[in-house]
Protein backbone atom coordinates (compact mmCIF):
# COMPACT_ATOMS: atom_id res chain seq x y z
CA MET A 1 -0.11 0.07 -0.06
CA THR A 2 1.17 3.49 -0.73
CA SER A 3 0.48 6.26 1.90
CA ARG A 4 1.98 9.11 3.42
CA ALA A 5 4.97 8.28 5.71
CA GLN A 6 4.00 7.42 9.33
CA SER A 7 0.25 6.92 8.19
CA ARG A 8 -2.07 4.55 6.25
CA PHE A 9 -5.28 5.22 4.43
CA GLY A 10 -8.07 2.90 4.83
CA ARG A 11 -9.48 0.68 2.11
CA LEU A 12 -11.90 2.74 0.02
CA ALA A 13 -14.57 1.54 -2.44
CA PRO A 14 -13.42 -0.24 -5.44
CA SER A 15 -13.63 1.59 -9.00
CA LEU A 16 -16.41 0.10 -10.94
CA VAL A 17 -15.38 2.40 -13.70
CA PHE A 18 -12.00 0.99 -14.00
CA ALA A 19 -13.53 -2.70 -14.07
CA ALA A 20 -15.49 -1.58 -17.29
CA PHE A 21 -12.49 0.05 -18.89
CA LEU A 22 -10.46 -3.24 -18.15
CA THR A 23 -12.99 -5.26 -20.04
CA LEU A 24 -12.47 -2.86 -22.98
CA ALA A 25 -8.63 -3.00 -22.74
CA GLY A 26 -8.38 -6.35 -23.89
CA CYS A 27 -4.92 -6.82 -22.56
CA ALA A 28 -4.92 -10.65 -21.36
CA THR A 29 -2.47 -12.90 -22.88
CA SER A 30 -1.77 -16.58 -22.55
CA GLY A 31 1.17 -17.92 -20.57
CA PRO A 32 3.34 -15.95 -17.97
CA PRO A 33 4.50 -12.53 -19.14
CA ALA A 34 8.33 -12.03 -19.81
CA PRO A 35 9.79 -9.03 -17.77
CA ILE A 36 11.70 -6.48 -19.73
CA SER A 37 13.54 -5.04 -16.93
CA SER A 38 17.06 -6.18 -18.19
CA GLY A 39 19.02 -3.55 -16.33
CA LYS A 40 19.43 -1.58 -19.46
CA PRO A 41 17.74 1.90 -20.13
CA ARG A 42 14.20 1.50 -21.26
CA VAL A 43 14.45 2.72 -24.89
CA GLU A 44 11.69 2.49 -27.42
CA PRO A 45 12.49 1.00 -30.78
CA SER A 46 11.68 2.79 -34.07
CA GLN A 47 8.82 1.34 -35.92
CA ASP A 48 6.42 2.02 -38.87
CA ARG A 49 3.40 3.35 -37.28
CA GLN A 50 1.44 3.86 -40.57
CA ALA A 51 1.66 0.09 -41.43
CA ASP A 52 -0.05 -0.72 -37.95
CA ARG A 53 -2.88 1.85 -38.65
CA ASP A 54 -3.48 0.40 -42.02
CA ARG A 55 -3.64 -2.99 -40.65
CA ASP A 56 -6.04 -1.88 -37.84
CA ASP A 57 -8.25 -0.27 -40.42
CA GLU A 58 -8.54 -3.48 -42.28
CA ARG A 59 -9.59 -5.40 -39.02
CA GLY A 60 -12.39 -3.00 -38.48
CA SER A 61 -13.95 -1.86 -35.29
CA LEU A 62 -15.60 -3.65 -32.34
CA HIS A 63 -18.31 -2.39 -29.85
CA ALA A 64 -18.76 -3.22 -26.16
CA ASN A 65 -20.85 -1.76 -23.40
CA GLY A 66 -21.91 1.09 -25.88
CA LEU A 67 -18.29 2.09 -26.45
CA GLU A 68 -16.30 1.86 -29.63
CA ILE A 69 -12.86 0.05 -29.38
CA ASP A 70 -10.36 -0.47 -31.83
CA ALA A 71 -8.71 -3.67 -33.21
CA ASN A 72 -6.43 -3.76 -30.04
CA GLY A 73 -9.51 -3.81 -27.79
CA LEU A 74 -8.64 -0.35 -26.52
CA PRO A 75 -11.34 2.56 -26.43
CA LYS A 76 -11.52 4.84 -29.42
CA PRO A 77 -11.71 8.54 -28.80
CA LEU A 78 -14.68 10.17 -27.00
CA ARG A 79 -16.26 13.30 -27.56
CA GLY A 80 -15.86 15.36 -24.50
CA LYS A 81 -15.28 14.22 -20.99
CA PHE A 82 -15.75 10.70 -20.35
CA THR A 83 -18.66 10.30 -17.78
CA PRO A 84 -20.34 6.87 -17.05
CA GLU A 85 -24.06 7.03 -17.04
CA PHE A 86 -24.28 5.98 -13.41
CA LEU A 87 -21.82 8.62 -12.37
CA LYS A 88 -23.41 11.56 -14.07
CA GLY A 89 -23.58 14.62 -11.73
CA LYS A 90 -20.58 13.45 -9.60
CA ASP A 91 -17.22 15.23 -9.44
CA LEU A 92 -14.84 12.82 -11.11
CA VAL A 93 -11.19 12.56 -11.23
CA ARG A 94 -9.82 11.18 -14.51
CA ALA A 95 -6.34 9.73 -15.02
CA GLY A 96 -4.82 8.81 -18.44
CA VAL A 97 -2.82 5.58 -18.39
CA LEU A 98 -0.13 5.78 -21.14
CA LEU A 99 1.27 2.34 -21.74
CA PRO A 100 2.51 0.44 -24.75
CA PHE A 101 -0.01 -2.46 -24.90
CA SER A 102 0.43 -3.20 -28.61
CA HIS A 103 4.32 -2.71 -28.80
CA PRO A 104 5.96 -5.02 -31.32
CA ASN A 105 8.01 -6.68 -28.58
CA ALA A 106 6.19 -9.36 -26.69
CA GLY A 107 8.10 -8.71 -23.34
CA VAL A 108 7.04 -5.02 -23.70
CA ARG A 109 3.57 -5.81 -24.03
CA ALA A 110 3.66 -8.22 -21.16
CA GLU A 111 5.12 -5.57 -18.98
CA ALA A 112 2.49 -3.04 -19.99
CA GLU A 113 -0.16 -5.69 -19.06
CA GLY A 114 1.51 -6.26 -15.74
CA MET A 115 1.73 -2.59 -14.89
CA LEU A 116 -2.04 -2.19 -15.79
CA ALA A 117 -2.82 -5.14 -13.44
CA GLY A 118 -0.85 -3.37 -10.77
CA ILE A 119 -2.79 -0.15 -11.28
CA GLU A 120 -6.02 -2.15 -11.18
CA MET A 121 -5.01 -3.63 -7.87
CA ALA A 122 -4.26 -0.23 -6.43
CA LEU A 123 -7.70 0.96 -7.62
CA PHE A 124 -9.56 -1.75 -5.98
CA ASP A 125 -7.57 -1.10 -2.69
CA HIS A 126 -7.66 2.58 -2.52
CA ALA A 127 -9.92 4.38 -5.05
CA PRO A 128 -13.45 5.69 -4.64
CA ASP A 129 -15.86 5.16 -7.63
CA THR A 130 -15.48 8.62 -8.67
CA PHE A 131 -11.78 8.07 -9.72
CA VAL A 132 -11.75 6.97 -13.41
CA LEU A 133 -8.90 5.56 -15.55
CA LEU A 134 -8.59 6.28 -19.33
CA PRO A 135 -6.10 3.62 -20.65
CA LYS A 136 -4.30 4.68 -23.75
CA ASP A 137 -2.08 2.59 -25.94
CA THR A 138 1.14 4.30 -26.76
CA ALA A 139 2.62 1.35 -28.68
CA GLY A 140 5.92 2.49 -27.88
CA SER A 141 5.84 5.45 -30.31
CA LYS A 142 6.60 8.93 -29.38
CA SER A 143 4.22 10.33 -31.80
CA GLN A 144 1.35 8.09 -30.69
CA THR A 145 2.19 8.74 -27.10
CA VAL A 146 1.46 12.45 -27.70
CA GLU A 147 -1.59 11.51 -29.85
CA MET A 148 -2.95 9.48 -26.96
CA ALA A 149 -2.18 11.99 -24.30
CA GLU A 150 -3.99 14.59 -26.15
CA GLN A 151 -6.91 12.24 -26.65
CA ALA A 152 -6.98 11.38 -22.97
CA GLN A 153 -6.90 15.09 -22.23
CA SER A 154 -9.78 15.82 -24.33
CA GLU A 155 -11.73 13.06 -22.47
CA GLY A 156 -10.92 14.89 -19.13
CA ALA A 157 -7.65 13.44 -17.93
CA GLU A 158 -6.02 15.70 -15.26
CA PHE A 159 -2.86 13.86 -14.97
CA PHE A 160 -1.20 10.81 -16.59
CA LEU A 161 0.37 7.52 -15.25
CA GLY A 162 3.06 6.71 -17.67
CA PRO A 163 4.62 6.60 -20.24
CA LEU A 164 7.39 3.80 -20.01
CA PHE A 165 10.23 5.02 -22.14
CA GLY A 166 12.10 8.13 -21.68
CA SER A 167 11.78 9.19 -25.31
CA SER A 168 7.99 9.15 -24.94
CA VAL A 169 8.23 11.13 -21.63
CA ALA A 170 10.40 13.76 -23.35
CA ALA A 171 7.88 13.88 -26.29
CA LEU A 172 5.05 14.86 -23.65
CA ASN A 173 7.28 17.25 -21.97
CA GLU A 174 7.86 19.13 -25.43
CA GLU A 175 4.15 19.18 -26.35
CA ARG A 176 2.82 22.69 -25.53
CA LYS A 177 -0.78 21.50 -25.60
CA LEU A 178 -0.02 19.23 -22.70
CA ALA A 179 1.86 21.79 -20.64
CA GLY A 180 1.11 21.97 -16.99
CA ILE A 181 -0.59 18.36 -16.86
CA PRO A 182 1.20 16.47 -14.12
CA VAL A 183 2.90 13.24 -15.22
CA ILE A 184 4.08 10.28 -13.04
CA ALA A 185 6.22 8.28 -15.47
CA PHE A 186 8.07 5.03 -15.30
CA SER A 187 11.21 5.87 -17.21
CA ASN A 188 14.61 5.36 -15.25
CA ASP A 189 16.09 8.14 -17.40
CA ARG A 190 16.71 11.14 -15.01
CA ASP A 191 17.18 13.40 -17.93
CA VAL A 192 13.47 13.50 -18.68
CA ALA A 193 12.49 14.39 -15.16
CA GLY A 194 11.65 17.88 -14.00
CA GLY A 195 8.87 20.42 -14.27
CA ASN A 196 5.64 18.68 -14.04
CA THR A 197 7.04 15.20 -14.60
CA TRP A 198 7.98 12.84 -11.94
CA LEU A 199 9.59 9.54 -12.22
CA ALA A 200 8.31 6.70 -10.16
CA SER A 201 10.95 4.20 -11.14
CA ILE A 202 13.82 3.24 -9.10
CA SER A 203 16.97 4.53 -10.75
CA PRO A 204 20.46 2.94 -10.86
CA GLU A 205 21.81 6.05 -9.14
CA GLU A 206 19.54 5.73 -6.25
CA GLU A 207 20.66 1.96 -5.96
CA VAL A 208 24.23 2.91 -5.87
CA SER A 209 23.79 5.66 -3.30
CA SER A 210 22.16 3.21 -0.99
CA LEU A 211 24.89 0.65 -1.50
CA VAL A 212 27.67 2.87 -1.10
CA GLU A 213 26.20 4.40 2.02
CA TYR A 214 25.92 0.96 3.66
CA ALA A 215 29.53 -0.05 2.53
CA ILE A 216 31.05 3.01 4.16
CA SER A 217 29.06 2.34 7.32
CA GLN A 218 30.82 -1.14 7.26
CA GLY A 219 34.30 0.48 7.17
CA PHE A 220 34.96 0.55 3.38
CA GLN A 221 36.54 3.53 1.94
CA GLN A 222 37.61 2.09 -1.36
CA PHE A 223 35.55 0.91 -4.20
CA ALA A 224 36.12 -0.58 -7.63
CA PHE A 225 33.89 -1.10 -10.69
CA PHE A 226 33.60 -4.29 -12.92
CA GLY A 227 30.96 -3.89 -15.55
CA PRO A 228 30.08 -3.51 -19.30
CA GLN A 229 31.26 -0.79 -21.52
CA SER A 230 27.67 0.51 -22.31
CA ALA A 231 25.63 3.60 -21.73
CA LEU A 232 24.26 2.03 -18.57
CA GLY A 233 27.49 0.68 -17.39
CA GLN A 234 29.13 4.17 -17.74
CA ARG A 235 26.11 5.77 -16.00
CA ILE A 236 26.48 3.37 -13.01
CA GLU A 237 30.31 3.82 -12.87
CA THR A 238 29.75 7.61 -12.91
CA ALA A 239 27.24 7.20 -10.12
CA LEU A 240 29.74 5.16 -8.00
CA GLN A 241 32.54 7.79 -8.47
CA PHE A 242 30.03 10.38 -7.45
CA GLU A 243 28.76 8.68 -4.36
CA ALA A 244 32.29 7.74 -3.20
CA ASN A 245 33.59 11.35 -3.66
CA GLN A 246 30.56 12.80 -1.98
CA LYS A 247 31.04 10.46 1.13
CA GLY A 248 34.77 11.02 1.30
CA ALA A 249 35.74 7.62 -0.18
CA ARG A 250 37.34 6.75 -3.64
CA VAL A 251 37.17 4.48 -6.58
CA VAL A 252 40.60 2.93 -6.78
CA ALA A 253 39.96 0.83 -10.05
CA THR A 254 37.52 0.42 -12.84
CA GLY A 255 37.37 -2.47 -15.10
CA PHE A 256 35.09 -1.93 -18.27
CA TYR A 257 34.64 -4.99 -20.73
CA PRO A 258 32.71 -5.20 -24.10
CA ASP A 259 28.94 -5.36 -23.21
CA GLY A 260 27.85 -8.87 -23.52
CA SER A 261 31.17 -10.35 -23.24
CA ASP A 262 30.98 -13.96 -21.77
CA SER A 263 34.57 -14.10 -20.60
CA PRO A 264 36.42 -10.74 -20.03
CA SER A 265 39.50 -12.39 -18.58
CA SER A 266 42.07 -9.75 -19.48
CA GLU A 267 39.91 -7.08 -17.97
CA ALA A 268 39.38 -9.23 -14.71
CA ARG A 269 43.09 -9.83 -14.48
CA TYR A 270 43.93 -6.22 -14.53
CA LEU A 271 41.15 -5.35 -12.02
CA ALA A 272 42.29 -8.16 -9.68
CA GLN A 273 45.83 -6.85 -9.78
CA SER A 274 44.74 -3.21 -9.10
CA ILE A 275 42.48 -4.15 -6.24
CA ASN A 276 45.14 -6.40 -4.57
CA SER A 277 47.55 -3.35 -4.63
CA ALA A 278 44.99 -0.92 -3.19
CA GLU A 279 44.17 -3.35 -0.35
CA SER A 280 47.36 -2.27 1.47
CA TYR A 281 45.40 1.02 2.10
CA GLY A 282 42.27 -0.74 3.33
CA PRO A 283 39.49 -3.12 2.32
CA VAL A 284 37.91 -2.73 -1.29
CA ALA A 285 34.28 -3.37 -2.18
CA VAL A 286 33.80 -4.16 -5.89
CA LEU A 287 30.29 -3.20 -7.72
CA ILE A 288 29.29 -5.71 -10.37
CA PRO A 289 26.16 -4.42 -12.20
CA GLU A 290 25.31 -7.48 -13.92
CA ARG A 291 22.31 -9.84 -13.60
CA GLY A 292 21.22 -13.51 -14.45
CA THR A 293 23.51 -15.68 -16.68
CA GLN A 294 25.81 -12.78 -17.47
CA LEU A 295 26.49 -12.30 -13.64
CA ARG A 296 27.21 -16.03 -13.17
CA LYS A 297 29.73 -15.87 -16.04
CA VAL A 298 31.40 -12.63 -14.98
CA ALA A 299 31.47 -12.71 -11.19
CA PRO A 300 33.95 -15.89 -10.88
CA LEU A 301 36.47 -14.23 -13.03
CA LEU A 302 37.82 -11.94 -10.21
CA ALA A 303 38.57 -14.96 -7.93
CA TYR A 304 40.00 -16.92 -10.81
CA HIS A 305 42.61 -14.29 -11.50
CA GLY A 306 43.62 -14.02 -7.72
CA VAL A 307 41.49 -11.12 -6.07
CA SER A 308 41.97 -11.18 -2.55
CA ARG A 309 39.33 -13.20 -0.48
CA SER A 310 38.82 -10.25 1.61
CA VAL A 311 37.21 -8.18 -1.17
CA GLN A 312 33.47 -7.39 -0.84
CA LEU A 313 31.40 -7.97 -3.82
CA MET A 314 28.31 -5.75 -4.38
CA GLY A 315 25.52 -5.50 -6.86
CA LEU A 316 22.32 -3.74 -7.70
CA SER A 317 18.80 -5.14 -7.71
CA GLY A 318 19.53 -7.31 -10.75
CA TRP A 319 21.13 -9.53 -8.22
CA ASP A 320 17.71 -10.10 -6.50
CA ASP A 321 17.29 -13.43 -8.33
CA PRO A 322 17.30 -16.89 -6.86
CA ASN A 323 18.71 -18.23 -10.00
CA VAL A 324 22.16 -16.33 -9.21
CA TRP A 325 22.20 -17.00 -5.48
CA ARG A 326 23.65 -20.37 -6.25
CA GLU A 327 26.80 -19.06 -7.69
CA PRO A 328 29.46 -19.82 -5.13
CA SER A 329 31.55 -16.87 -6.09
CA LEU A 330 28.64 -14.65 -4.83
CA LYS A 331 28.61 -15.91 -1.32
CA GLY A 332 28.63 -13.23 1.08
CA GLY A 333 28.04 -10.65 -1.61
CA TRP A 334 25.75 -7.69 -0.97
CA PHE A 335 22.97 -6.32 -3.17
CA VAL A 336 20.40 -3.52 -2.82
CA ALA A 337 16.70 -3.98 -3.39
CA PRO A 338 13.48 -2.80 -2.07
CA PRO A 339 12.18 -4.13 1.29
CA ASP A 340 10.61 -7.39 0.46
CA VAL A 341 7.90 -7.71 3.22
CA ASP A 342 5.06 -5.83 1.28
CA LEU A 343 6.38 -7.09 -2.02
CA GLN A 344 5.85 -10.66 -1.04
CA SER A 345 2.33 -9.99 -0.03
CA PHE A 346 1.70 -8.20 -3.22
CA GLU A 347 3.19 -11.23 -5.27
CA THR A 348 0.88 -13.58 -3.49
CA ARG A 349 -2.19 -11.56 -4.22
CA TYR A 350 -1.30 -10.92 -7.72
CA LYS A 351 -0.70 -14.61 -8.34
CA ARG A 352 -4.11 -15.39 -6.73
CA ILE A 353 -5.92 -12.70 -8.84
CA TYR A 354 -4.14 -13.12 -12.41
CA GLY A 355 -2.64 -16.55 -12.08
CA ARG A 356 0.93 -15.59 -12.94
CA ALA A 357 3.79 -13.70 -11.21
CA PRO A 358 3.86 -9.98 -11.36
CA THR A 359 6.07 -8.32 -13.90
CA SER A 360 9.16 -6.47 -12.88
CA LEU A 361 7.37 -3.02 -12.88
CA ALA A 362 3.90 -3.97 -11.54
CA ALA A 363 4.73 -3.00 -8.03
CA GLN A 364 6.09 0.43 -9.09
CA ALA A 365 2.88 0.97 -11.12
CA TYR A 366 0.83 -0.01 -7.96
CA ASP A 367 2.62 2.63 -5.96
CA ALA A 368 2.19 5.33 -8.43
CA ALA A 369 -1.45 4.72 -8.85
CA ALA A 370 -2.05 4.56 -4.99
CA LEU A 371 -0.06 7.75 -4.59
CA ALA A 372 -2.08 9.52 -7.32
CA ILE A 373 -5.28 8.33 -5.97
CA SER A 374 -4.47 9.66 -2.51
CA LEU A 375 -3.16 13.06 -3.69
CA SER A 376 -5.88 13.64 -6.00
CA ALA A 377 -8.64 13.07 -3.56
CA ASP A 378 -9.22 16.92 -3.47
CA GLY A 379 -9.52 17.03 -7.24
CA ASP A 380 -6.03 17.58 -8.54
CA LEU A 381 -2.29 16.70 -8.07
CA ASP A 382 -0.78 19.60 -6.15
CA ARG A 383 2.99 20.17 -6.51
CA ARG A 384 3.40 20.97 -2.85
CA GLU A 385 1.73 17.52 -1.92
CA ILE A 386 4.00 15.76 -4.26
CA LEU A 387 6.99 17.19 -2.83
CA ALA A 388 5.99 16.25 0.84
CA GLU A 389 9.31 16.05 2.86
CA ASP A 390 8.15 13.14 4.79
CA GLY A 391 7.57 11.07 1.80
CA PHE A 392 5.10 8.04 1.19
CA VAL A 393 5.22 4.44 2.12
CA GLY A 394 4.61 2.13 -0.88
CA LEU A 395 5.13 -1.55 -1.62
CA ASN A 396 8.83 -0.62 -2.61
CA GLY A 397 9.39 1.10 0.62
CA LEU A 398 9.79 4.64 1.83
CA PHE A 399 10.11 7.23 -1.13
CA ARG A 400 9.66 10.83 -1.84
CA PHE A 401 9.98 13.06 -4.91
CA THR A 402 12.68 15.68 -5.26
CA ALA A 403 12.22 19.06 -6.78
CA GLN A 404 14.17 17.63 -9.70
CA GLY A 405 11.32 15.15 -10.53
CA THR A 406 13.22 12.02 -9.41
CA ALA A 407 12.36 9.58 -6.52
CA GLU A 408 14.57 9.27 -3.53
CA ARG A 409 14.23 5.88 -1.71
CA LYS A 410 15.15 4.10 1.38
CA LEU A 411 16.39 0.73 -0.02
CA SER A 412 17.35 -2.36 1.97
CA ILE A 413 20.71 -4.34 1.63
CA TYR A 414 20.78 -8.21 1.45
CA GLU A 415 23.51 -10.75 1.61
CA VAL A 416 23.69 -13.78 -0.72
CA SER A 417 23.81 -17.00 1.06
CA PRO A 418 24.07 -19.85 -1.48
CA GLY A 419 21.74 -22.56 -0.47
CA GLU A 420 19.70 -20.40 1.91
CA GLY A 421 18.76 -17.57 -0.41
CA ALA A 422 19.50 -13.99 0.51
CA THR A 423 19.37 -12.50 4.02
CA LEU A 424 18.29 -8.99 5.01
CA ILE A 425 21.26 -7.19 6.67
CA HIS A 426 20.12 -3.79 6.53
CA GLU A 427 16.52 -2.44 6.42
CA GLY A 428 15.64 0.63 4.50
CA GLY A 429 15.12 3.74 6.65
CA THR A 430 11.88 4.90 7.96
CA ARG A 431 12.25 8.46 7.67
CA PHE A 432 14.07 11.18 5.48
CA ASP A 433 16.09 14.18 6.51
CA PRO A 434 14.11 17.29 6.17
CA ASP A 435 16.17 18.84 3.47
CA ILE A 436 14.80 17.38 0.28
CA GLY A 437 17.22 19.44 -2.03
């Protein structure tokens, strides 16, 4: 549940309007959805939108509950503000949901469906029946994102949940017709935040900050980086340099290797030698920002090339995966992730309702929707309320938005224990310092 810090709001009436819209959305797929959170920036691919429109025209239109929907099962544009017959005369709050339901990539489509499911759960948990969702299909296209946002605006949307990709968020920010409408987006690209755009995602920079802060509290003043020579890898290494410098520590060695390399032995050998030399000045913590199979291939290389046994391995939330905890070289390694108590309950409920595990961003979508429902109870999203210094409690722990439009979070630290899983060794904080920056 998402609430103001140090408070919880009670369960409110479910949104019948959303249930009707969900029927129209036609987003169900067979089989479990494949998460798209690969650890790389969420970038939308280019595509031929005209070909898609021509194909949709050939399929024709469908009708349900008196509303016209397109071939993807999504509502077609309405004339004027959308008001269900049984809610006429009531003061409604309308939110546009901008997600890529018909994206060419199956994993992206599945993630969009999972996020919409998370939003649905938040509505049934927290929303009155006067809170109405207007789901719109961005298809992963910048131009269609703007088109769908304008459509939602004409139907009465007062703010947006989404989009997913940074380029789509940037396109909204540049559209004058949409100026002033609050956007709670899910991009992990900090460059598109600010103004009336807030990013509900958990950024790599925030994860690095939490990890470095904990390592320093455990006596580490020296850090090293071993990761891919990619845009994201460089971004994470820059964050490591920044956080170490800010806290009076230093990065003693960096080992970049070609992105996707299965066995960067020469880079591992160089880094191991550099780390061993630096250990005469104190212990070293090494950040390896990989995940999955790639992590299991890369992590053992440092030990193979003779890195000191006292070196502390560290990772980001990509390590939060039972499949990698079996890797012997990761034993005792630390990784950062949201507190798992509420997330476990959410996953159990999600599985019971939808018959499959939640996608990687479903809980973030839940938190964003629950927050929007709470803050819009008086009719709009007020900037001062969004910037509340005490923050909000969500499924992903305590968080608050900064004046720059990013989310600051209190994340937890876990230790890998092969055969036992991952053990919580540092719980995320329960309060923020007053100065939000």
